[in-house]
Amino acid sequence: MFIYFISDFCVGSTEDIIDDIIPCVWVAINSSGVVEIKNGHLYVDNIAYYKLSELRALSSGMYTNTNETSGDFMMEPGRTLFLFLKICNKAEICSVKLTNTVVVEGNSSELITATPGSESSHVIGSKSGSRRKRSAADTILQVTLPADMEAGQSVLITELSPDDVHTNFTSDASNDFVSYITDPDISINSTDRLLRGR
């Protein structure tokens, strides 16, 4: 008996939304392989199959005529990528399996692991020794992990640099991707709150 199956690779931002970062893309028939995102392309077994901007046509099941040559894929620090494999048989009955999660770290990211049974505090940032008006250089953040965290649980903390704040975090493979870090210089006109007398 011959078993026939098709494998799709998907990347989502949660366990429930499987394809808002990279839509489900057919990567194999009756075989396994390695899928990579590099140089603006989706590679399967070290062969470039798609430009990331071409995958946007698969996003939301809509075809959008795109002549873009961009292949931007930049995830913000702290983002968790949920990697899925969608396997379908010949009758198109499919099963979705979460295969892995990847947490994106920035240059200044610090991973803090809990110590079971004891509360622990960690200080991030620095403060100048002289008394003067507070400035961005005096940024200090104290993080306290509670005692009831389980062994092995960790928290990733990243102090955003000005470059991080002004970077365009995006996935050209998707119409649905929304970054949780946006450049305040671009989004300032999107607010309607007026602060009077401040």
Foldseek 3Di string as FASTA:
>chain_A
DDWKKWKWKAKDQDPVGTHQQAHTDTQDIPDDFDWDDPPQAIDTNNHGDGRLLCLACPAVVHGDDDPDPGRDAAAAAQGKIFMWMWMATPVRDIDIDGDDIDGHHDPQKDKAFDDAQDKDKDKDADADDDDDDDDPNHDIDIDIDDNHDDGPDIDIDGDDDLCSLDDDHGGSNHPRDDHPRHNCVVCVVVDDDDDPPD
